[in-house]
């Protein structure tokens, strides 16, 4: 599962929906969720990869440490 993290979880929902649509069109099995950076500890462990939105790039160091 991919975890897309942003400031509130709302701004990335459009990107998540677009990625899901593209994956379905290409018949690719794909799971992605968007959550606010404040919930990264809750969802981060289940993620295979974590993508940070540009507005939370300052959290990169903290994400790498966990």
PDB file of N, CA and C in Angstrom:
ATOM      1  N   UNK A   1       0.828  -1.165   0.000  1.00  0.00           N
ATOM      2  CA  UNK A   1       0.000   0.000   0.000  1.00  0.00           C
ATOM      3  C   UNK A   1       0.881   1.240   0.000  1.00  0.00           C
ATOM      4  N   UNK A   2       0.463   2.238  -0.758  1.00  0.00           N
ATOM      5  CA  UNK A   2       1.123   3.538  -0.772  1.00  0.00           C
ATOM      6  C   UNK A   2       0.364   4.462   0.171  1.00  0.00           C
ATOM      7  N   UNK A   3       1.095   5.248   0.917  1.00  0.00           N
ATOM      8  CA  UNK A   3       0.498   6.247   1.794  1.00  0.00           C
ATOM      9  C   UNK A   3       0.925   7.613   1.297  1.00  0.00           C
ATOM     10  N   UNK A   4      -0.039   8.420   0.939  1.00  0.00           N
ATOM     11  CA  UNK A   4       0.222   9.780   0.478  1.00  0.00           C
ATOM     12  C   UNK A   4      -0.141  10.722   1.617  1.00  0.00           C
ATOM     13  N   UNK A   5       0.839  11.470   2.096  1.00  0.00           N
ATOM     14  CA  UNK A   5       0.665  12.312   3.271  1.00  0.00           C
ATOM     15  C   UNK A   5       0.679  13.778   2.862  1.00  0.00           C
ATOM     16  N   UNK A   6      -0.273  14.531   3.401  1.00  0.00           N
ATOM     17  CA  UNK A   6      -0.305  15.972   3.144  1.00  0.00           C
ATOM     18  C   UNK A   6      -0.703  16.687   4.426  1.00  0.00           C
ATOM     19  N   UNK A   7      -0.958  17.957   4.341  1.00  0.00           N
ATOM     20  CA  UNK A   7      -1.261  18.746   5.536  1.00  0.00           C
ATOM     21  C   UNK A   7      -2.590  18.333   6.172  1.00  0.00           C
ATOM     22  N   UNK A   8      -3.622  18.151   5.376  1.00  0.00           N
ATOM     23  CA  UNK A   8      -4.936  17.829   5.944  1.00  0.00           C
ATOM     24  C   UNK A   8      -5.543  16.539   5.405  1.00  0.00           C
ATOM     25  N   UNK A   9      -4.970  15.969   4.363  1.00  0.00           N
ATOM     26  CA  UNK A   9      -5.536  14.768   3.763  1.00  0.00           C
ATOM     27  C   UNK A   9      -6.530  15.072   2.661  1.00  0.00           C
ATOM     28  N   UNK A  10      -6.915  16.326   2.511  1.00  0.00           N
ATOM     29  CA  UNK A  10      -7.919  16.713   1.531  1.00  0.00           C
ATOM     30  C   UNK A  10      -7.315  17.028   0.170  1.00  0.00           C
ATOM     31  N   UNK A  11      -6.246  17.779   0.158  1.00  0.00           N
ATOM     32  CA  UNK A  11      -5.682  18.232  -1.114  1.00  0.00           C
ATOM     33  C   UNK A  11      -5.173  17.080  -1.964  1.00  0.00           C
ATOM     34  N   UNK A  12      -4.759  16.012  -1.331  1.00  0.00           N
ATOM     35  CA  UNK A  12      -4.235  14.880  -2.090  1.00  0.00           C
ATOM     36  C   UNK A  12      -5.320  13.901  -2.514  1.00  0.00           C
ATOM     37  N   UNK A  13      -6.537  14.080  -2.029  1.00  0.00           N
ATOM     38  CA  UNK A  13      -7.589  13.136  -2.392  1.00  0.00           C
ATOM     39  C   UNK A  13      -7.849  13.130  -3.895  1.00  0.00           C
ATOM     40  N   UNK A  14      -7.721  14.269  -4.543  1.00  0.00           N
ATOM     41  CA  UNK A  14      -7.880  14.317  -6.001  1.00  0.00           C
ATOM     42  C   UNK A  14      -6.801  13.498  -6.694  1.00  0.00           C
ATOM     43  N   UNK A  15      -5.578  13.612  -6.214  1.00  0.00           N
ATOM     44  CA  UNK A  15      -4.475  12.839  -6.783  1.00  0.00           C
ATOM     45  C   UNK A  15      -4.690  11.350  -6.553  1.00  0.00           C
ATOM     46  N   UNK A  16      -5.117  10.988  -5.365  1.00  0.00           N
ATOM     47  CA  UNK A  16      -5.382   9.583  -5.049  1.00  0.00           C
ATOM     48  C   UNK A  16      -6.455   9.028  -5.978  1.00  0.00           C
ATOM     49  N   UNK A  17      -7.534   9.759  -6.156  1.00  0.00           N
ATOM     50  CA  UNK A  17      -8.604   9.299  -7.046  1.00  0.00           C
ATOM     51  C   UNK A  17      -8.110   9.125  -8.473  1.00  0.00           C
ATOM     52  N   UNK A  18      -7.310  10.050  -8.932  1.00  0.00           N
ATOM     53  CA  UNK A  18      -6.767   9.973 -10.293  1.00  0.00           C
ATOM     54  C   UNK A  18      -5.843   8.762 -10.446  1.00  0.00           C
ATOM     55  N   UNK A  19      -5.017   8.520  -9.440  1.00  0.00           N
ATOM     56  CA  UNK A  19      -4.105   7.372  -9.487  1.00  0.00           C
ATOM     57  C   UNK A  19      -4.881   6.060  -9.494  1.00  0.00           C
ATOM     58  N   UNK A  20      -5.950   5.988  -8.700  1.00  0.00           N
ATOM     59  CA  UNK A  20      -6.783   4.782  -8.671  1.00  0.00           C
ATOM     60  C   UNK A  20      -7.466   4.558 -10.021  1.00  0.00           C
ATOM     61  N   UNK A  21      -7.992   5.620 -10.603  1.00  0.00           N
ATOM     62  CA  UNK A  21      -8.641   5.516 -11.919  1.00  0.00           C
ATOM     63  C   UNK A  21      -7.665   5.025 -12.980  1.00  0.00           C
ATOM     64  N   UNK A  22      -6.474   5.573 -12.976  1.00  0.00           N
ATOM     65  CA  UNK A  22      -5.457   5.175 -13.950  1.00  0.00           C
ATOM     66  C   UNK A  22      -5.069   3.718 -13.763  1.00  0.00           C
ATOM     67  N   UNK A  23      -4.904   3.301 -12.519  1.00  0.00           N
ATOM     68  CA  UNK A  23      -4.549   1.908 -12.239  1.00  0.00           C
ATOM     69  C   UNK A  23      -5.646   0.963 -12.716  1.00  0.00           C
ATOM     70  N   UNK A  24      -6.905   1.326 -12.473  1.00  0.00           N
ATOM     71  CA  UNK A  24      -8.018   0.497 -12.929  1.00  0.00           C
ATOM     72  C   UNK A  24      -8.048   0.407 -14.448  1.00  0.00           C
ATOM     73  N   UNK A  25      -7.848   1.522 -15.118  1.00  0.00           N
ATOM     74  CA  UNK A  25      -7.849   1.554 -16.578  1.00  0.00           C
ATOM     75  C   UNK A  25      -6.775   0.636 -17.148  1.00  0.00           C
ATOM     76  N   UNK A  26      -5.627   0.617 -16.497  1.00  0.00           N
ATOM     77  CA  UNK A  26      -4.504  -0.198 -16.971  1.00  0.00           C
ATOM     78  C   UNK A  26      -4.489  -1.593 -16.345  1.00  0.00           C
ATOM     79  N   UNK A  27      -5.554  -1.894 -15.574  1.00  0.00           N
ATOM     80  CA  UNK A  27      -5.698  -3.187 -14.901  1.00  0.00           C
ATOM     81  C   UNK A  27      -4.492  -3.509 -14.023  1.00  0.00           C
ATOM     82  N   UNK A  28      -4.081  -2.526 -13.241  1.00  0.00           N
ATOM     83  CA  UNK A  28      -2.968  -2.681 -12.305  1.00  0.00           C
ATOM     84  C   UNK A  28      -3.546  -2.741 -10.897  1.00  0.00           C
ATOM     85  N   UNK A  29      -3.132  -3.747 -10.142  1.00  0.00           N
ATOM     86  CA  UNK A  29      -3.556  -3.830  -8.748  1.00  0.00           C
ATOM     87  C   UNK A  29      -2.784  -2.784  -7.951  1.00  0.00           C
ATOM     88  N   UNK A  30      -3.517  -1.911  -7.287  1.00  0.00           N
ATOM     89  CA  UNK A  30      -2.881  -0.745  -6.686  1.00  0.00           C
ATOM     90  C   UNK A  30      -3.709  -0.265  -5.506  1.00  0.00           C
ATOM     91  N   UNK A  31      -3.059  -0.031  -4.393  1.00  0.00           N
ATOM     92  CA  UNK A  31      -3.760   0.499  -3.223  1.00  0.00           C
ATOM     93  C   UNK A  31      -3.033   1.739  -2.718  1.00  0.00           C
ATOM     94  N   UNK A  32      -3.768   2.816  -2.561  1.00  0.00           N
ATOM     95  CA  UNK A  32      -3.196   4.063  -2.051  1.00  0.00           C
ATOM     96  C   UNK A  32      -4.218   4.742  -1.151  1.00  0.00           C
ATOM     97  N   UNK A  33      -3.716   5.350  -0.101  1.00  0.00           N
ATOM     98  CA  UNK A  33      -4.560   6.097   0.822  1.00  0.00           C
ATOM     99  C   UNK A  33      -3.920   7.449   1.078  1.00  0.00           C
ATOM    100  N   UNK A  34      -4.734   8.459   1.340  1.00  0.00           N
ATOM    101  CA  UNK A  34      -4.243   9.793   1.700  1.00  0.00           C
ATOM    102  C   UNK A  34      -4.664  10.102   3.127  1.00  0.00           C
ATOM    103  N   UNK A  35      -3.716  10.578   3.901  1.00  0.00           N
ATOM    104  CA  UNK A  35      -3.992  10.936   5.291  1.00  0.00           C
ATOM    105  C   UNK A  35      -3.177  12.158   5.664  1.00  0.00           C
ATOM    106  N   UNK A  36      -3.635  12.901   6.662  1.00  0.00           N
ATOM    107  CA  UNK A  36      -2.855  14.049   7.118  1.00  0.00           C
ATOM    108  C   UNK A  36      -1.570  13.610   7.801  1.00  0.00           C
ATOM    109  N   UNK A  37      -0.573  14.454   7.766  1.00  0.00           N
ATOM    110  CA  UNK A  37       0.736  14.133   8.325  1.00  0.00           C
ATOM    111  C   UNK A  37       0.637  13.789   9.812  1.00  0.00           C
ATOM    112  N   UNK A  38      -0.330  14.338  10.501  1.00  0.00           N
ATOM    113  CA  UNK A  38      -0.506  14.048  11.919  1.00  0.00           C
ATOM    114  C   UNK A  38      -0.900  12.614  12.205  1.00  0.00           C
ATOM    115  N   UNK A  39      -1.314  11.867  11.180  1.00  0.00           N
ATOM    116  CA  UNK A  39      -1.720  10.475  11.362  1.00  0.00           C
ATOM    117  C   UNK A  39      -0.709   9.493  10.785  1.00  0.00           C
ATOM    118  N   UNK A  40       0.481   9.963  10.502  1.00  0.00           N
ATOM    119  CA  UNK A  40       1.477   9.102   9.870  1.00  0.00           C
ATOM    120  C   UNK A  40       1.872   7.928  10.765  1.00  0.00           C
ATOM    121  N   UNK A  41       1.895   8.141  12.068  1.00  0.00           N
ATOM    122  CA  UNK A  41       2.230   7.042  12.973  1.00  0.00           C
ATOM    123  C   UNK A  41       1.153   5.966  12.944  1.00  0.00           C
ATOM    124  N   UNK A  42      -0.084   6.359  12.764  1.00  0.00           N
ATOM    125  CA  UNK A  42      -1.202   5.414  12.727  1.00  0.00           C
ATOM    126  C   UNK A  42      -1.191   4.561  11.456  1.00  0.00           C
ATOM    127  N   UNK A  43      -0.880   5.165  10.320  1.00  0.00           N
ATOM    128  CA  UNK A  43      -0.970   4.466   9.038  1.00  0.00           C
ATOM    129  C   UNK A  43       0.380   4.106   8.417  1.00  0.00           C
ATOM    130  N   UNK A  44       1.443   4.701   8.882  1.00  0.00           N
ATOM    131  CA  UNK A  44       2.748   4.530   8.258  1.00  0.00           C
ATOM    132  C   UNK A  44       3.291   3.118   8.268  1.00  0.00           C
ATOM    133  N   UNK A  45       3.074   2.386   9.353  1.00  0.00           N
ATOM    134  CA  UNK A  45       3.627   1.026   9.452  1.00  0.00           C
ATOM    135  C   UNK A  45       3.035   0.079   8.417  1.00  0.00           C
ATOM    136  N   UNK A  46       1.785   0.293   8.043  1.00  0.00           N
ATOM    137  CA  UNK A  46       1.119  -0.581   7.073  1.00  0.00           C
ATOM    138  C   UNK A  46       1.516  -0.261   5.634  1.00  0.00           C
ATOM    139  N   UNK A  47       2.172   0.866   5.439  1.00  0.00           N
ATOM    140  CA  UNK A  47       2.509   1.317   4.084  1.00  0.00           C
ATOM    141  C   UNK A  47       3.804   0.690   3.584  1.00  0.00           C
ATOM    142  N   UNK A  48       3.806   0.335   2.302  1.00  0.00           N
ATOM    143  CA  UNK A  48       5.034  -0.122   1.649  1.00  0.00           C
ATOM    144  C   UNK A  48       5.905   1.075   1.297  1.00  0.00           C
ATOM    145  N   UNK A  49       5.260   2.148   0.870  1.00  0.00           N
ATOM    146  CA  UNK A  49       5.948   3.391   0.523  1.00  0.00           C
ATOM    147  C   UNK A  49       5.123   4.565   1.024  1.00  0.00           C
ATOM    148  N   UNK A  50       5.823   5.623   1.425  1.00  0.00           N
ATOM    149  CA  UNK A  50       5.165   6.836   1.890  1.00  0.00           C
ATOM    150  C   UNK A  50       5.568   7.979   0.970  1.00  0.00           C
ATOM    151  N   UNK A  51       4.569   8.645   0.425  1.00  0.00           N
ATOM    152  CA  UNK A  51       4.789   9.794  -0.450  1.00  0.00           C
ATOM    153  C   UNK A  51       4.368  11.052   0.303  1.00  0.00           C
ATOM    154  N   UNK A  52       5.216  12.059   0.288  1.00  0.00           N
ATOM    155  CA  UNK A  52       4.898  13.312   0.968  1.00  0.00           C
ATOM    156  C   UNK A  52       4.451  14.361  -0.037  1.00  0.00           C
ATOM    157  N   UNK A  53       3.364  15.038   0.293  1.00  0.00           N
ATOM    158  CA  UNK A  53       2.945  16.166  -0.517  1.00  0.00           C
ATOM    159  C   UNK A  53       3.908  17.320  -0.302  1.00  0.00           C
ATOM    160  N   UNK A  54       4.003  18.230  -1.260  1.00  0.00           N
ATOM    161  CA  UNK A  54       4.978  19.319  -1.160  1.00  0.00           C
ATOM    162  C   UNK A  54       4.799  20.195   0.075  1.00  0.00           C
ATOM    163  N   UNK A  55       3.571  20.329   0.568  1.00  0.00           N
ATOM    164  CA  UNK A  55       3.354  21.192   1.720  1.00  0.00           C
ATOM    165  C   UNK A  55       3.843  20.583   3.036  1.00  0.00           C
ATOM    166  N   UNK A  56       4.225  19.307   3.034  1.00  0.00           N
ATOM    167  CA  UNK A  56       4.749  18.667   4.256  1.00  0.00           C
ATOM    168  C   UNK A  56       6.150  18.103   4.043  1.00  0.00           C
ATOM    169  N   UNK A  57       6.862  18.613   3.071  1.00  0.00           N
ATOM    170  CA  UNK A  57       8.215  18.116   2.796  1.00  0.00           C
ATOM    171  C   UNK A  57       9.146  18.311   3.985  1.00  0.00           C
ATOM    172  N   UNK A  58       8.819  19.257   4.846  1.00  0.00           N
ATOM    173  CA  UNK A  58       9.625  19.475   6.049  1.00  0.00           C
ATOM    174  C   UNK A  58       9.610  18.261   6.980  1.00  0.00           C
ATOM    175  N   UNK A  59       8.683  17.333   6.793  1.00  0.00           N
ATOM    176  CA  UNK A  59       8.576  16.135   7.626  1.00  0.00           C
ATOM    177  C   UNK A  59       9.431  14.977   7.109  1.00  0.00           C
ATOM    178  N   UNK A  60      10.120  15.158   6.005  1.00  0.00           N
ATOM    179  CA  UNK A  60      10.883  14.070   5.393  1.00  0.00           C
ATOM    180  C   UNK A  60      11.841  13.420   6.380  1.00  0.00           C
ATOM    181  N   UNK A  61      12.574  14.200   7.110  1.00  0.00           N
ATOM    182  CA  UNK A  61      13.541  13.665   8.069  1.00  0.00           C
ATOM    183  C   UNK A  61      12.842  12.806   9.128  1.00  0.00           C
ATOM    184  N   UNK A  62      11.714  13.271   9.639  1.00  0.00           N
ATOM    185  CA  UNK A  62      10.973  12.511  10.648  1.00  0.00           C
ATOM    186  C   UNK A  62      10.422  11.208  10.085  1.00  0.00           C
ATOM    187  N   UNK A  63       9.959  11.235   8.854  1.00  0.00           N
ATOM    188  CA  UNK A  63       9.413  10.028   8.227  1.00  0.00           C
ATOM    189  C   UNK A  63      10.518   8.997   8.026  1.00  0.00           C
ATOM    190  N   UNK A  64      11.681   9.430   7.593  1.00  0.00           N
ATOM    191  CA  UNK A  64      12.800   8.512   7.382  1.00  0.00           C
ATOM    192  C   UNK A  64      13.246   7.861   8.682  1.00  0.00           C
ATOM    193  N   UNK A  65      13.163   8.587   9.790  1.00  0.00           N
ATOM    194  CA  UNK A  65      13.607   8.065  11.080  1.00  0.00           C
ATOM    195  C   UNK A  65      12.656   7.008  11.620  1.00  0.00           C
ATOM    196  N   UNK A  66      11.401   7.078  11.241  1.00  0.00           N
ATOM    197  CA  UNK A  66      10.415   6.117  11.733  1.00  0.00           C
ATOM    198  C   UNK A  66      10.291   5.029  10.740  1.00  0.00           C
TER     199      UNK A  66
END
